[in-house]
Amino acid sequence: MNHEHESSRYYYPVEGRTDGAIAGAFAFIAIIAVPALTYAAWHALVSWISYLFP
């Protein structure tokens, strides 16, 4: 690419924009999704048990 060309002054390289996206997704799953799903499953289980044994 000719960086001296007039249109190239609006060119922004896209390399590196997704760096850490996979790690960020794993962090989201580990920090937010797993505890939330664990809480929801535990709450459902306890509700079911307390319904069976009043």
PDB file of N, CA and C in Angstrom:
ATOM      1  N   MET A   1       0.843  -1.180   0.000  1.00  0.00           N
ATOM      2  CA  MET A   1       0.000   0.000   0.000  1.00  0.00           C
ATOM      3  C   MET A   1       0.886   1.241   0.000  1.00  0.00           C
ATOM      4  N   ASN A   2       0.527   2.160  -0.815  1.00  0.00           N
ATOM      5  CA  ASN A   2       1.297   3.400  -0.907  1.00  0.00           C
ATOM      6  C   ASN A   2       0.805   4.360   0.177  1.00  0.00           C
ATOM      7  N   HIS A   3       1.617   4.551   1.173  1.00  0.00           N
ATOM      8  CA  HIS A   3       1.194   5.402   2.277  1.00  0.00           C
ATOM      9  C   HIS A   3       1.285   6.884   1.944  1.00  0.00           C
ATOM     10  N   GLU A   4       1.850   7.196   0.808  1.00  0.00           N
ATOM     11  CA  GLU A   4       1.925   8.588   0.373  1.00  0.00           C
ATOM     12  C   GLU A   4       0.664   9.003  -0.380  1.00  0.00           C
ATOM     13  N   HIS A   5      -0.152   8.032  -0.707  1.00  0.00           N
ATOM     14  CA  HIS A   5      -1.368   8.344  -1.463  1.00  0.00           C
ATOM     15  C   HIS A   5      -2.335   9.117  -0.578  1.00  0.00           C
ATOM     16  N   GLU A   6      -3.143   9.985  -1.204  1.00  0.00           N
ATOM     17  CA  GLU A   6      -4.049  10.861  -0.462  1.00  0.00           C
ATOM     18  C   GLU A   6      -5.073  10.081   0.372  1.00  0.00           C
ATOM     19  N   SER A   7      -5.584   8.978  -0.174  1.00  0.00           N
ATOM     20  CA  SER A   7      -6.622   8.233   0.548  1.00  0.00           C
ATOM     21  C   SER A   7      -6.051   7.420   1.699  1.00  0.00           C
ATOM     22  N   SER A   8      -4.747   7.205   1.744  1.00  0.00           N
ATOM     23  CA  SER A   8      -4.187   6.363   2.791  1.00  0.00           C
ATOM     24  C   SER A   8      -4.111   7.075   4.134  1.00  0.00           C
ATOM     25  N   ARG A   9      -4.353   8.358   4.197  1.00  0.00           N
ATOM     26  CA  ARG A   9      -4.302   9.032   5.507  1.00  0.00           C
ATOM     27  C   ARG A   9      -5.485   8.638   6.387  1.00  0.00           C
ATOM     28  N   TYR A  10      -6.520   8.033   5.787  1.00  0.00           N
ATOM     29  CA  TYR A  10      -7.664   7.558   6.564  1.00  0.00           C
ATOM     30  C   TYR A  10      -7.578   6.066   6.838  1.00  0.00           C
ATOM     31  N   TYR A  11      -6.447   5.480   6.511  1.00  0.00           N
ATOM     32  CA  TYR A  11      -6.266   4.044   6.702  1.00  0.00           C
ATOM     33  C   TYR A  11      -5.774   3.783   8.111  1.00  0.00           C
ATOM     34  N   TYR A  12      -6.497   2.938   8.809  1.00  0.00           N
ATOM     35  CA  TYR A  12      -6.078   2.529  10.140  1.00  0.00           C
ATOM     36  C   TYR A  12      -5.875   1.016  10.112  1.00  0.00           C
ATOM     37  N   PRO A  13      -4.710   0.540  10.457  1.00  0.00           N
ATOM     38  CA  PRO A  13      -4.480  -0.908  10.401  1.00  0.00           C
ATOM     39  C   PRO A  13      -5.353  -1.647  11.411  1.00  0.00           C
ATOM     40  N   VAL A  14      -5.805  -2.798  11.032  1.00  0.00           N
ATOM     41  CA  VAL A  14      -6.686  -3.573  11.904  1.00  0.00           C
ATOM     42  C   VAL A  14      -5.940  -4.680  12.638  1.00  0.00           C
ATOM     43  N   GLU A  15      -4.647  -4.813  12.385  1.00  0.00           N
ATOM     44  CA  GLU A  15      -3.900  -5.841  13.093  1.00  0.00           C
ATOM     45  C   GLU A  15      -3.902  -5.536  14.589  1.00  0.00           C
ATOM     46  N   GLY A  16      -4.137  -6.566  15.374  1.00  0.00           N
ATOM     47  CA  GLY A  16      -4.069  -6.402  16.817  1.00  0.00           C
ATOM     48  C   GLY A  16      -5.362  -6.015  17.474  1.00  0.00           C
ATOM     49  N   ARG A  17      -6.409  -5.780  16.710  1.00  0.00           N
ATOM     50  CA  ARG A  17      -7.667  -5.392  17.358  1.00  0.00           C
ATOM     51  C   ARG A  17      -8.295  -6.551  18.107  1.00  0.00           C
ATOM     52  N   THR A  18      -8.055  -7.751  17.661  1.00  0.00           N
ATOM     53  CA  THR A  18      -8.654  -8.904  18.335  1.00  0.00           C
ATOM     54  C   THR A  18      -7.689  -9.561  19.308  1.00  0.00           C
ATOM     55  N   ASP A  19      -6.559  -8.945  19.557  1.00  0.00           N
ATOM     56  CA  ASP A  19      -5.627  -9.526  20.537  1.00  0.00           C
ATOM     57  C   ASP A  19      -6.305  -9.575  21.901  1.00  0.00           C
ATOM     58  N   GLY A  20      -6.337 -10.736  22.497  1.00  0.00           N
ATOM     59  CA  GLY A  20      -6.946 -10.887  23.805  1.00  0.00           C
ATOM     60  C   GLY A  20      -8.434 -11.149  23.767  1.00  0.00           C
ATOM     61  N   ALA A  21      -9.032 -11.270  22.588  1.00  0.00           N
ATOM     62  CA  ALA A  21     -10.471 -11.512  22.512  1.00  0.00           C
ATOM     63  C   ALA A  21     -10.819 -12.891  23.056  1.00  0.00           C
ATOM     64  N   ILE A  22      -9.989 -13.868  22.759  1.00  0.00           N
ATOM     65  CA  ILE A  22     -10.247 -15.229  23.251  1.00  0.00           C
ATOM     66  C   ILE A  22     -10.072 -15.263  24.766  1.00  0.00           C
ATOM     67  N   ALA A  23      -9.018 -14.633  25.247  1.00  0.00           N
ATOM     68  CA  ALA A  23      -8.797 -14.586  26.700  1.00  0.00           C
ATOM     69  C   ALA A  23      -9.915 -13.815  27.382  1.00  0.00           C
ATOM     70  N   GLY A  24     -10.379 -12.763  26.754  1.00  0.00           N
ATOM     71  CA  GLY A  24     -11.491 -11.998  27.325  1.00  0.00           C
ATOM     72  C   GLY A  24     -12.759 -12.814  27.397  1.00  0.00           C
ATOM     73  N   ALA A  25     -13.000 -13.623  26.375  1.00  0.00           N
ATOM     74  CA  ALA A  25     -14.187 -14.483  26.386  1.00  0.00           C
ATOM     75  C   ALA A  25     -14.080 -15.528  27.489  1.00  0.00           C
ATOM     76  N   PHE A  26     -12.895 -16.122  27.640  1.00  0.00           N
ATOM     77  CA  PHE A  26     -12.718 -17.094  28.724  1.00  0.00           C
ATOM     78  C   PHE A  26     -12.851 -16.428  30.090  1.00  0.00           C
ATOM     79  N   ALA A  27     -12.353 -15.214  30.215  1.00  0.00           N
ATOM     80  CA  ALA A  27     -12.475 -14.499  31.489  1.00  0.00           C
ATOM     81  C   ALA A  27     -13.936 -14.222  31.797  1.00  0.00           C
ATOM     82  N   PHE A  28     -14.696 -13.806  30.781  1.00  0.00           N
ATOM     83  CA  PHE A  28     -16.130 -13.568  30.986  1.00  0.00           C
ATOM     84  C   PHE A  28     -16.823 -14.841  31.444  1.00  0.00           C
ATOM     85  N   ILE A  29     -16.515 -15.948  30.779  1.00  0.00           N
ATOM     86  CA  ILE A  29     -17.161 -17.211  31.138  1.00  0.00           C
ATOM     87  C   ILE A  29     -16.770 -17.622  32.552  1.00  0.00           C
ATOM     88  N   ALA A  30     -15.482 -17.478  32.886  1.00  0.00           N
ATOM     89  CA  ALA A  30     -15.011 -17.936  34.193  1.00  0.00           C
ATOM     90  C   ALA A  30     -15.498 -17.047  35.327  1.00  0.00           C
ATOM     91  N   ILE A  31     -15.552 -15.737  35.091  1.00  0.00           N
ATOM     92  CA  ILE A  31     -15.854 -14.806  36.183  1.00  0.00           C
ATOM     93  C   ILE A  31     -17.344 -14.554  36.322  1.00  0.00           C
ATOM     94  N   ILE A  32     -18.082 -14.501  35.220  1.00  0.00           N
ATOM     95  CA  ILE A  32     -19.487 -14.116  35.279  1.00  0.00           C
ATOM     96  C   ILE A  32     -20.414 -15.296  35.027  1.00  0.00           C
ATOM     97  N   ALA A  33     -20.212 -16.006  33.940  1.00  0.00           N
ATOM     98  CA  ALA A  33     -21.175 -17.032  33.544  1.00  0.00           C
ATOM     99  C   ALA A  33     -21.173 -18.235  34.479  1.00  0.00           C
ATOM    100  N   VAL A  34     -20.003 -18.720  34.867  1.00  0.00           N
ATOM    101  CA  VAL A  34     -19.951 -19.915  35.715  1.00  0.00           C
ATOM    102  C   VAL A  34     -20.591 -19.673  37.084  1.00  0.00           C
ATOM    103  N   PRO A  35     -20.253 -18.609  37.798  1.00  0.00           N
ATOM    104  CA  PRO A  35     -20.928 -18.393  39.087  1.00  0.00           C
ATOM    105  C   PRO A  35     -22.431 -18.145  38.936  1.00  0.00           C
ATOM    106  N   ALA A  36     -22.832 -17.438  37.889  1.00  0.00           N
ATOM    107  CA  ALA A  36     -24.263 -17.176  37.696  1.00  0.00           C
ATOM    108  C   ALA A  36     -25.017 -18.468  37.407  1.00  0.00           C
ATOM    109  N   LEU A  37     -24.465 -19.307  36.555  1.00  0.00           N
ATOM    110  CA  LEU A  37     -25.130 -20.575  36.253  1.00  0.00           C
ATOM    111  C   LEU A  37     -25.098 -21.523  37.448  1.00  0.00           C
ATOM    112  N   THR A  38     -24.017 -21.494  38.211  1.00  0.00           N
ATOM    113  CA  THR A  38     -23.943 -22.320  39.411  1.00  0.00           C
ATOM    114  C   THR A  38     -24.995 -21.884  40.421  1.00  0.00           C
ATOM    115  N   TYR A  39     -25.149 -20.582  40.615  1.00  0.00           N
ATOM    116  CA  TYR A  39     -26.163 -20.065  41.532  1.00  0.00           C
ATOM    117  C   TYR A  39     -27.565 -20.440  41.064  1.00  0.00           C
ATOM    118  N   ALA A  40     -27.817 -20.297  39.763  1.00  0.00           N
ATOM    119  CA  ALA A  40     -29.144 -20.620  39.234  1.00  0.00           C
ATOM    120  C   ALA A  40     -29.446 -22.109  39.384  1.00  0.00           C
ATOM    121  N   ALA A  41     -28.453 -22.957  39.118  1.00  0.00           N
ATOM    122  CA  ALA A  41     -28.662 -24.397  39.252  1.00  0.00           C
ATOM    123  C   ALA A  41     -28.883 -24.780  40.707  1.00  0.00           C
ATOM    124  N   TRP A  42     -28.097 -24.191  41.610  1.00  0.00           N
ATOM    125  CA  TRP A  42     -28.251 -24.483  43.034  1.00  0.00           C
ATOM    126  C   TRP A  42     -29.617 -24.015  43.534  1.00  0.00           C
ATOM    127  N   HIS A  43     -30.023 -22.845  43.116  1.00  0.00           N
ATOM    128  CA  HIS A  43     -31.326 -22.307  43.525  1.00  0.00           C
ATOM    129  C   HIS A  43     -32.455 -23.198  43.001  1.00  0.00           C
ATOM    130  N   ALA A  44     -32.360 -23.656  41.769  1.00  0.00           N
ATOM    131  CA  ALA A  44     -33.380 -24.543  41.210  1.00  0.00           C
ATOM    132  C   ALA A  44     -33.418 -25.870  41.955  1.00  0.00           C
ATOM    133  N   LEU A  45     -32.246 -26.416  42.265  1.00  0.00           N
ATOM    134  CA  LEU A  45     -32.188 -27.690  42.982  1.00  0.00           C
ATOM    135  C   LEU A  45     -32.793 -27.570  44.376  1.00  0.00           C
ATOM    136  N   VAL A  46     -32.443 -26.531  45.097  1.00  0.00           N
ATOM    137  CA  VAL A  46     -32.965 -26.349  46.449  1.00  0.00           C
ATOM    138  C   VAL A  46     -34.466 -26.093  46.420  1.00  0.00           C
ATOM    139  N   SER A  47     -34.933 -25.329  45.440  1.00  0.00           N
ATOM    140  CA  SER A  47     -36.372 -25.100  45.310  1.00  0.00           C
ATOM    141  C   SER A  47     -37.117 -26.410  45.031  1.00  0.00           C
ATOM    142  N   TRP A  48     -36.541 -27.235  44.190  1.00  0.00           N
ATOM    143  CA  TRP A  48     -37.155 -28.508  43.858  1.00  0.00           C
ATOM    144  C   TRP A  48     -37.193 -29.426  45.087  1.00  0.00           C
ATOM    145  N   ILE A  49     -36.089 -29.472  45.842  1.00  0.00           N
ATOM    146  CA  ILE A  49     -36.035 -30.313  47.032  1.00  0.00           C
ATOM    147  C   ILE A  49     -37.011 -29.805  48.086  1.00  0.00           C
ATOM    148  N   SER A  50     -37.069 -28.486  48.264  1.00  0.00           N
ATOM    149  CA  SER A  50     -37.982 -27.962  49.279  1.00  0.00           C
ATOM    150  C   SER A  50     -39.448 -28.137  48.860  1.00  0.00           C
ATOM    151  N   TYR A  51     -39.701 -28.246  47.570  1.00  0.00           N
ATOM    152  CA  TYR A  51     -41.063 -28.514  47.107  1.00  0.00           C
ATOM    153  C   TYR A  51     -41.432 -29.981  47.400  1.00  0.00           C
ATOM    154  N   LEU A  52     -40.458 -30.886  47.223  1.00  0.00           N
ATOM    155  CA  LEU A  52     -40.729 -32.297  47.463  1.00  0.00           C
ATOM    156  C   LEU A  52     -40.879 -32.622  48.951  1.00  0.00           C
ATOM    157  N   PHE A  53     -40.099 -31.926  49.775  1.00  0.00           N
ATOM    158  CA  PHE A  53     -40.119 -32.188  51.212  1.00  0.00           C
ATOM    159  C   PHE A  53     -40.496 -30.903  51.946  1.00  0.00           C
ATOM    160  N   PRO A  54     -41.783 -30.627  52.057  1.00  0.00           N
ATOM    161  CA  PRO A  54     -42.198 -29.367  52.687  1.00  0.00           C
ATOM    162  C   PRO A  54     -41.964 -29.322  54.184  1.00  0.00           C
TER     163      PRO A  54
END
